[in-house]
């Protein structure tokens, strides 16, 4: 799975877009409705930033800002790291791990085409692999 291209792992249905002038409350409701942890902030088809659950907590609520009037453009993470869809998924996971975030926009030819998240790694194959690794580890320690 980790060698699989990002293109095959990304979830297009999880891609939520917002504009920089959309207010936090509106975007947060859309995130809740789609059950996603991030919205891509775009303008004219160009990715400007990413707005996440953590931004809501640390940049809006913690600072006492009004979610009904604060535009996401003021509290987003601008110029986010991105990954090309042909890169291995393991490469995307390493970027997310090294940089300390859970969502990574997928960009091809300067166009936003999707998003991958650390959660994408938790598929049935990975769970089976983890269970097998634990089993083998247990068997080795029993000898």
N, C-alpha and C. Protein backbone atom coordinates (compact mmCIF):
# COMPACT_ATOMS: atom_id res chain seq x y z
N UNK A 1 0.81 -1.20 0.00
CA UNK A 1 0.00 0.00 0.00
C UNK A 1 0.85 1.26 0.00
N UNK A 2 1.98 1.24 0.71
CA UNK A 2 2.78 2.45 0.83
C UNK A 2 3.46 2.81 -0.48
N UNK A 3 3.60 1.85 -1.39
CA UNK A 3 4.15 2.12 -2.70
C UNK A 3 3.09 2.51 -3.72
N UNK A 4 1.84 2.41 -3.35
CA UNK A 4 0.73 2.76 -4.23
C UNK A 4 0.75 4.27 -4.49
N UNK A 5 0.55 4.68 -5.75
CA UNK A 5 0.51 6.12 -6.03
C UNK A 5 -0.60 6.82 -5.25
N UNK A 6 -0.32 8.03 -4.82
CA UNK A 6 -1.29 8.84 -4.08
C UNK A 6 -2.60 8.91 -4.85
N UNK A 7 -2.52 8.98 -6.16
CA UNK A 7 -3.72 9.07 -7.02
C UNK A 7 -4.71 7.94 -6.71
N UNK A 8 -4.19 6.76 -6.36
CA UNK A 8 -5.05 5.61 -6.10
C UNK A 8 -5.56 5.56 -4.67
N UNK A 9 -5.01 6.39 -3.81
CA UNK A 9 -5.38 6.37 -2.40
C UNK A 9 -6.27 7.56 -2.04
N UNK A 10 -6.08 8.68 -2.73
CA UNK A 10 -6.83 9.89 -2.37
C UNK A 10 -8.32 9.65 -2.52
N UNK A 11 -9.07 10.39 -1.74
CA UNK A 11 -10.52 10.26 -1.71
C UNK A 11 -11.15 11.53 -2.29
N UNK A 12 -11.47 11.55 -3.57
CA UNK A 12 -12.05 12.76 -4.16
C UNK A 12 -13.33 13.22 -3.47
N UNK A 13 -14.11 12.27 -2.93
CA UNK A 13 -15.36 12.67 -2.27
C UNK A 13 -15.10 13.41 -0.96
N UNK A 14 -13.89 13.28 -0.42
CA UNK A 14 -13.54 13.99 0.81
C UNK A 14 -13.00 15.39 0.56
N UNK A 15 -12.90 15.77 -0.70
CA UNK A 15 -12.37 17.09 -1.03
C UNK A 15 -13.45 18.14 -0.85
N UNK A 16 -13.21 19.02 0.11
CA UNK A 16 -14.13 20.11 0.38
C UNK A 16 -13.39 21.41 0.08
N UNK A 17 -14.03 22.26 -0.72
CA UNK A 17 -13.41 23.53 -1.09
C UNK A 17 -14.17 24.69 -0.44
N UNK A 18 -13.43 25.72 -0.11
CA UNK A 18 -14.00 26.96 0.43
C UNK A 18 -13.25 28.12 -0.22
N UNK A 19 -13.83 29.30 -0.14
CA UNK A 19 -13.13 30.49 -0.63
C UNK A 19 -12.60 31.24 0.59
N UNK A 20 -11.64 32.12 0.39
CA UNK A 20 -11.07 32.85 1.53
C UNK A 20 -12.07 33.73 2.26
N UNK A 21 -13.18 34.10 1.61
CA UNK A 21 -14.16 34.97 2.25
C UNK A 21 -15.29 34.19 2.94
N UNK A 22 -15.35 32.89 2.74
CA UNK A 22 -16.35 32.08 3.45
C UNK A 22 -16.06 32.17 4.94
N UNK A 23 -17.11 32.30 5.74
CA UNK A 23 -16.89 32.42 7.18
C UNK A 23 -16.69 31.05 7.82
N UNK A 24 -15.97 31.06 8.92
CA UNK A 24 -15.61 29.83 9.62
C UNK A 24 -16.82 28.96 9.93
N UNK A 25 -17.90 29.55 10.43
CA UNK A 25 -19.09 28.77 10.80
C UNK A 25 -19.64 28.01 9.60
N UNK A 26 -19.71 28.65 8.45
CA UNK A 26 -20.23 28.00 7.24
C UNK A 26 -19.33 26.83 6.83
N UNK A 27 -18.03 27.05 6.84
CA UNK A 27 -17.09 26.00 6.44
C UNK A 27 -17.11 24.86 7.45
N UNK A 28 -17.18 25.19 8.74
CA UNK A 28 -17.22 24.16 9.78
C UNK A 28 -18.47 23.29 9.61
N UNK A 29 -19.60 23.90 9.30
CA UNK A 29 -20.82 23.12 9.07
C UNK A 29 -20.65 22.19 7.86
N UNK A 30 -20.03 22.69 6.80
CA UNK A 30 -19.79 21.86 5.61
C UNK A 30 -18.83 20.71 5.94
N UNK A 31 -17.82 20.99 6.77
CA UNK A 31 -16.88 19.94 7.19
C UNK A 31 -17.63 18.87 7.98
N UNK A 32 -18.51 19.29 8.88
CA UNK A 32 -19.27 18.33 9.68
C UNK A 32 -20.21 17.51 8.80
N UNK A 33 -20.86 18.18 7.85
CA UNK A 33 -21.80 17.49 6.96
C UNK A 33 -21.09 16.42 6.12
N UNK A 34 -19.89 16.75 5.62
CA UNK A 34 -19.15 15.80 4.80
C UNK A 34 -18.27 14.86 5.63
N UNK A 35 -18.23 15.11 6.95
CA UNK A 35 -17.41 14.32 7.86
C UNK A 35 -15.94 14.32 7.44
N UNK A 36 -15.41 15.53 7.21
CA UNK A 36 -14.01 15.70 6.85
C UNK A 36 -13.33 16.63 7.85
N UNK A 37 -12.03 16.50 7.95
CA UNK A 37 -11.27 17.31 8.91
C UNK A 37 -10.58 18.51 8.32
N UNK A 38 -10.77 18.75 7.01
CA UNK A 38 -10.08 19.87 6.39
C UNK A 38 -10.86 20.36 5.16
N UNK A 39 -10.70 21.65 4.90
CA UNK A 39 -11.26 22.26 3.69
C UNK A 39 -10.11 22.94 2.95
N UNK A 40 -10.10 22.80 1.65
CA UNK A 40 -9.09 23.46 0.82
C UNK A 40 -9.60 24.85 0.48
N UNK A 41 -8.80 25.85 0.74
CA UNK A 41 -9.19 27.23 0.46
C UNK A 41 -8.64 27.58 -0.92
N UNK A 42 -9.55 27.84 -1.85
CA UNK A 42 -9.18 28.07 -3.24
C UNK A 42 -9.78 29.38 -3.73
N UNK A 43 -9.12 29.91 -4.74
CA UNK A 43 -9.65 31.11 -5.41
C UNK A 43 -9.20 31.03 -6.86
N UNK A 44 -10.16 31.11 -7.76
CA UNK A 44 -9.84 31.03 -9.17
C UNK A 44 -9.16 29.72 -9.54
N UNK A 45 -9.53 28.64 -8.86
CA UNK A 45 -8.93 27.34 -9.14
C UNK A 45 -7.56 27.13 -8.52
N UNK A 46 -7.03 28.14 -7.85
CA UNK A 46 -5.69 28.04 -7.26
C UNK A 46 -5.79 27.78 -5.76
N UNK A 47 -5.00 26.82 -5.27
CA UNK A 47 -4.97 26.50 -3.85
C UNK A 47 -4.24 27.60 -3.09
N UNK A 48 -4.95 28.23 -2.16
CA UNK A 48 -4.36 29.29 -1.34
C UNK A 48 -3.95 28.79 0.03
N UNK A 49 -4.73 27.85 0.56
CA UNK A 49 -4.46 27.38 1.91
C UNK A 49 -5.31 26.18 2.26
N UNK A 50 -5.14 25.76 3.51
CA UNK A 50 -5.92 24.65 4.05
C UNK A 50 -6.48 25.11 5.40
N UNK A 51 -7.71 24.74 5.66
CA UNK A 51 -8.38 25.10 6.90
C UNK A 51 -8.82 23.81 7.56
N UNK A 52 -8.33 23.56 8.78
CA UNK A 52 -8.55 22.28 9.45
C UNK A 52 -9.29 22.43 10.77
N UNK A 53 -9.66 21.29 11.32
CA UNK A 53 -10.28 21.26 12.65
C UNK A 53 -9.37 21.95 13.67
N UNK A 54 -8.08 21.73 13.55
CA UNK A 54 -7.13 22.34 14.49
C UNK A 54 -7.14 23.86 14.35
N UNK A 55 -7.32 24.36 13.14
CA UNK A 55 -7.41 25.81 12.94
C UNK A 55 -8.63 26.37 13.67
N UNK A 56 -9.74 25.63 13.64
CA UNK A 56 -10.94 26.07 14.34
C UNK A 56 -10.65 26.22 15.83
N UNK A 57 -9.98 25.22 16.39
CA UNK A 57 -9.70 25.23 17.83
C UNK A 57 -8.64 26.26 18.19
N UNK A 58 -7.49 26.19 17.53
CA UNK A 58 -6.34 27.00 17.94
C UNK A 58 -6.34 28.43 17.40
N UNK A 59 -6.95 28.66 16.25
CA UNK A 59 -6.90 29.99 15.66
C UNK A 59 -8.20 30.77 15.77
N UNK A 60 -9.29 30.05 16.04
CA UNK A 60 -10.58 30.74 16.14
C UNK A 60 -11.05 30.73 17.60
N UNK A 61 -11.40 29.58 18.10
CA UNK A 61 -11.96 29.48 19.45
C UNK A 61 -10.97 29.97 20.51
N UNK A 62 -9.74 29.51 20.45
CA UNK A 62 -8.74 29.88 21.47
C UNK A 62 -8.47 31.38 21.50
N UNK A 63 -8.69 32.06 20.38
CA UNK A 63 -8.45 33.50 20.32
C UNK A 63 -9.74 34.31 20.47
N UNK A 64 -10.84 33.61 20.74
CA UNK A 64 -12.10 34.31 20.96
C UNK A 64 -12.68 34.97 19.73
N UNK A 65 -12.34 34.48 18.55
CA UNK A 65 -12.88 35.06 17.32
C UNK A 65 -14.31 34.56 17.09
N UNK A 66 -15.08 35.34 16.40
CA UNK A 66 -16.46 34.99 16.09
C UNK A 66 -16.50 34.16 14.81
N UNK A 67 -16.91 32.90 14.96
CA UNK A 67 -16.95 31.99 13.82
C UNK A 67 -17.96 32.43 12.77
N UNK A 68 -18.93 33.24 13.16
CA UNK A 68 -19.96 33.69 12.22
C UNK A 68 -19.50 34.85 11.35
N UNK A 69 -18.40 35.50 11.75
CA UNK A 69 -17.93 36.66 10.98
C UNK A 69 -16.49 36.54 10.50
N UNK A 70 -15.73 35.59 11.03
CA UNK A 70 -14.32 35.46 10.67
C UNK A 70 -14.17 34.68 9.36
N UNK A 71 -13.55 35.28 8.35
CA UNK A 71 -13.32 34.56 7.09
C UNK A 71 -12.21 33.52 7.27
N UNK A 72 -12.36 32.38 6.61
CA UNK A 72 -11.34 31.33 6.73
C UNK A 72 -10.00 31.81 6.19
N UNK A 73 -10.02 32.76 5.27
CA UNK A 73 -8.77 33.29 4.73
C UNK A 73 -7.88 33.92 5.78
N UNK A 74 -8.48 34.36 6.89
CA UNK A 74 -7.71 34.98 7.97
C UNK A 74 -7.13 33.97 8.96
N UNK A 75 -7.66 32.74 8.96
CA UNK A 75 -7.24 31.75 9.96
C UNK A 75 -6.77 30.43 9.35
N UNK A 76 -6.67 30.38 8.05
CA UNK A 76 -6.20 29.17 7.37
C UNK A 76 -4.68 29.07 7.48
N UNK A 77 -4.16 27.91 7.09
CA UNK A 77 -2.72 27.74 6.93
C UNK A 77 -2.44 28.06 5.46
N UNK A 78 -1.73 29.16 5.19
CA UNK A 78 -1.49 29.53 3.80
C UNK A 78 -0.39 28.69 3.16
N UNK A 79 -0.43 28.59 1.84
CA UNK A 79 0.60 27.89 1.07
C UNK A 79 0.97 26.54 1.66
N UNK A 80 0.00 25.63 1.77
CA UNK A 80 0.29 24.34 2.39
C UNK A 80 1.21 23.47 1.54
N UNK A 81 1.87 22.55 2.21
CA UNK A 81 2.64 21.52 1.50
C UNK A 81 1.65 20.77 0.63
N UNK A 82 2.10 20.29 -0.51
CA UNK A 82 1.27 19.51 -1.42
C UNK A 82 2.05 18.28 -1.87
N UNK A 83 1.35 17.36 -2.48
CA UNK A 83 1.99 16.16 -3.02
C UNK A 83 1.45 15.93 -4.43
N UNK A 84 2.31 15.41 -5.30
CA UNK A 84 1.90 15.07 -6.67
C UNK A 84 1.21 13.71 -6.63
N UNK A 85 0.18 13.51 -7.43
CA UNK A 85 -0.58 12.25 -7.38
C UNK A 85 0.21 11.01 -7.77
N UNK A 86 1.33 11.16 -8.47
CA UNK A 86 2.11 10.00 -8.87
C UNK A 86 3.15 9.58 -7.82
N UNK A 87 3.31 10.38 -6.76
CA UNK A 87 4.24 10.02 -5.69
C UNK A 87 3.66 8.84 -4.91
N UNK A 88 4.52 8.00 -4.33
CA UNK A 88 4.01 6.89 -3.51
C UNK A 88 3.29 7.42 -2.26
N UNK A 89 2.28 6.70 -1.84
CA UNK A 89 1.53 7.09 -0.65
C UNK A 89 2.45 7.16 0.57
N UNK A 90 3.43 6.28 0.63
CA UNK A 90 4.40 6.33 1.73
C UNK A 90 5.13 7.66 1.79
N UNK A 91 5.41 8.24 0.64
CA UNK A 91 6.05 9.57 0.58
C UNK A 91 5.14 10.62 1.22
N UNK A 92 3.85 10.56 0.89
CA UNK A 92 2.88 11.50 1.47
C UNK A 92 2.80 11.33 2.98
N UNK A 93 2.79 10.08 3.45
CA UNK A 93 2.74 9.83 4.89
C UNK A 93 3.98 10.38 5.60
N UNK A 94 5.13 10.24 4.96
CA UNK A 94 6.36 10.78 5.57
C UNK A 94 6.31 12.30 5.67
N UNK A 95 5.80 12.95 4.64
CA UNK A 95 5.66 14.41 4.69
C UNK A 95 4.76 14.79 5.86
N UNK A 96 3.61 14.12 5.95
CA UNK A 96 2.67 14.45 7.02
C UNK A 96 3.29 14.20 8.40
N UNK A 97 4.00 13.10 8.53
CA UNK A 97 4.64 12.78 9.81
C UNK A 97 5.73 13.80 10.14
N UNK A 98 6.61 14.07 9.18
CA UNK A 98 7.73 15.00 9.42
C UNK A 98 7.25 16.41 9.73
N UNK A 99 6.18 16.84 9.08
CA UNK A 99 5.69 18.21 9.25
C UNK A 99 4.63 18.33 10.34
N UNK A 100 4.14 17.20 10.83
CA UNK A 100 3.19 17.22 11.93
C UNK A 100 1.77 17.58 11.56
N UNK A 101 1.32 17.16 10.38
CA UNK A 101 -0.07 17.38 10.04
C UNK A 101 -0.70 16.13 9.48
N UNK A 102 -2.04 16.15 9.36
CA UNK A 102 -2.79 14.95 9.00
C UNK A 102 -3.44 14.99 7.63
N UNK A 103 -3.37 16.12 6.95
CA UNK A 103 -4.00 16.26 5.63
C UNK A 103 -2.99 16.85 4.65
N UNK A 104 -3.03 16.34 3.43
CA UNK A 104 -2.09 16.80 2.41
C UNK A 104 -2.84 16.96 1.08
N UNK A 105 -2.91 18.20 0.57
CA UNK A 105 -3.56 18.41 -0.72
C UNK A 105 -2.76 17.73 -1.84
N UNK A 106 -3.49 17.23 -2.82
CA UNK A 106 -2.89 16.59 -3.98
C UNK A 106 -3.06 17.54 -5.16
N UNK A 107 -1.92 17.92 -5.76
CA UNK A 107 -1.92 18.92 -6.83
C UNK A 107 -1.20 18.36 -8.05
N UNK A 108 -1.82 18.55 -9.21
CA UNK A 108 -1.22 18.13 -10.48
C UNK A 108 -1.39 19.27 -11.48
N UNK A 109 -0.29 19.66 -12.12
CA UNK A 109 -0.32 20.78 -13.07
C UNK A 109 -0.93 22.03 -12.45
N UNK A 110 -0.52 22.32 -11.22
CA UNK A 110 -1.00 23.49 -10.46
C UNK A 110 -2.50 23.47 -10.19
N UNK A 111 -3.13 22.29 -10.31
CA UNK A 111 -4.57 22.18 -10.07
C UNK A 111 -4.81 21.22 -8.90
N UNK A 112 -5.62 21.66 -7.96
CA UNK A 112 -6.02 20.81 -6.83
C UNK A 112 -6.93 19.70 -7.34
N UNK A 113 -6.52 18.45 -7.09
CA UNK A 113 -7.33 17.33 -7.59
C UNK A 113 -7.82 16.40 -6.48
N UNK A 114 -7.30 16.57 -5.27
CA UNK A 114 -7.73 15.69 -4.19
C UNK A 114 -7.02 15.99 -2.89
N UNK A 115 -7.20 15.10 -1.95
CA UNK A 115 -6.57 15.22 -0.64
C UNK A 115 -6.32 13.81 -0.11
N UNK A 116 -5.21 13.66 0.59
CA UNK A 116 -4.96 12.42 1.32
C UNK A 116 -4.80 12.78 2.78
N UNK A 117 -5.12 11.84 3.61
CA UNK A 117 -4.97 12.07 5.05
C UNK A 117 -4.29 10.88 5.68
N UNK A 118 -3.79 11.09 6.87
CA UNK A 118 -3.16 10.00 7.60
C UNK A 118 -4.18 8.88 7.81
N UNK A 119 -5.43 9.23 7.90
CA UNK A 119 -6.49 8.22 8.08
C UNK A 119 -6.55 7.26 6.90
N UNK A 120 -6.13 7.73 5.71
CA UNK A 120 -6.15 6.88 4.52
C UNK A 120 -5.28 5.65 4.70
N UNK A 121 -4.31 5.72 5.61
CA UNK A 121 -3.43 4.58 5.85
C UNK A 121 -4.12 3.48 6.63
N UNK A 122 -5.20 3.81 7.29
CA UNK A 122 -5.88 2.83 8.12
C UNK A 122 -6.94 2.08 7.33
N UNK A 123 -6.48 1.34 6.33
CA UNK A 123 -7.42 0.55 5.55
C UNK A 123 -7.33 -0.90 6.00
N UNK A 124 -8.18 -1.78 5.48
CA UNK A 124 -8.17 -3.17 5.92
C UNK A 124 -6.83 -3.87 5.71
N UNK A 125 -6.12 -3.56 4.60
CA UNK A 125 -4.83 -4.20 4.37
C UNK A 125 -3.83 -3.83 5.46
N UNK A 126 -3.82 -2.56 5.85
CA UNK A 126 -2.89 -2.13 6.88
C UNK A 126 -3.25 -2.76 8.22
N UNK A 127 -4.53 -2.83 8.53
CA UNK A 127 -4.95 -3.45 9.78
C UNK A 127 -4.54 -4.92 9.80
N UNK A 128 -4.69 -5.61 8.67
CA UNK A 128 -4.28 -7.01 8.58
C UNK A 128 -2.77 -7.13 8.75
N UNK A 129 -2.02 -6.23 8.11
CA UNK A 129 -0.57 -6.23 8.24
C UNK A 129 -0.15 -6.02 9.70
N UNK A 130 -0.78 -5.06 10.36
CA UNK A 130 -0.45 -4.77 11.76
C UNK A 130 -0.75 -5.97 12.64
N UNK A 131 -1.90 -6.60 12.43
CA UNK A 131 -2.26 -7.78 13.22
C UNK A 131 -1.25 -8.90 12.99
N UNK A 132 -0.85 -9.10 11.74
CA UNK A 132 0.13 -10.15 11.43
C UNK A 132 1.48 -9.82 12.06
N UNK A 133 1.88 -8.56 12.02
CA UNK A 133 3.16 -8.16 12.63
C UNK A 133 3.14 -8.41 14.13
N UNK A 134 2.04 -8.09 14.78
CA UNK A 134 1.92 -8.34 16.22
C UNK A 134 1.95 -9.84 16.51
N UNK A 135 1.26 -10.61 15.68
CA UNK A 135 1.25 -12.06 15.87
C UNK A 135 2.66 -12.62 15.74
N UNK A 136 3.36 -12.21 14.72
CA UNK A 136 4.73 -12.71 14.51
C UNK A 136 5.64 -12.27 15.63
N UNK A 137 5.48 -11.06 16.09
CA UNK A 137 6.27 -10.56 17.21
C UNK A 137 6.00 -11.40 18.44
N UNK A 138 4.72 -11.74 18.66
CA UNK A 138 4.34 -12.55 19.82
C UNK A 138 4.96 -13.93 19.69
N UNK A 139 4.91 -14.50 18.47
CA UNK A 139 5.47 -15.84 18.27
C UNK A 139 6.98 -15.85 18.53
N UNK A 140 7.68 -14.80 18.11
CA UNK A 140 9.12 -14.72 18.33
C UNK A 140 9.44 -14.61 19.82
N UNK A 141 8.65 -13.85 20.54
CA UNK A 141 8.93 -13.67 21.97
C UNK A 141 8.57 -14.91 22.79
N UNK A 142 7.72 -15.78 22.24
CA UNK A 142 7.32 -17.00 22.95
C UNK A 142 8.38 -18.09 22.89
N UNK A 143 9.35 -17.94 21.99
CA UNK A 143 10.39 -18.98 21.81
C UNK A 143 11.41 -18.93 22.90
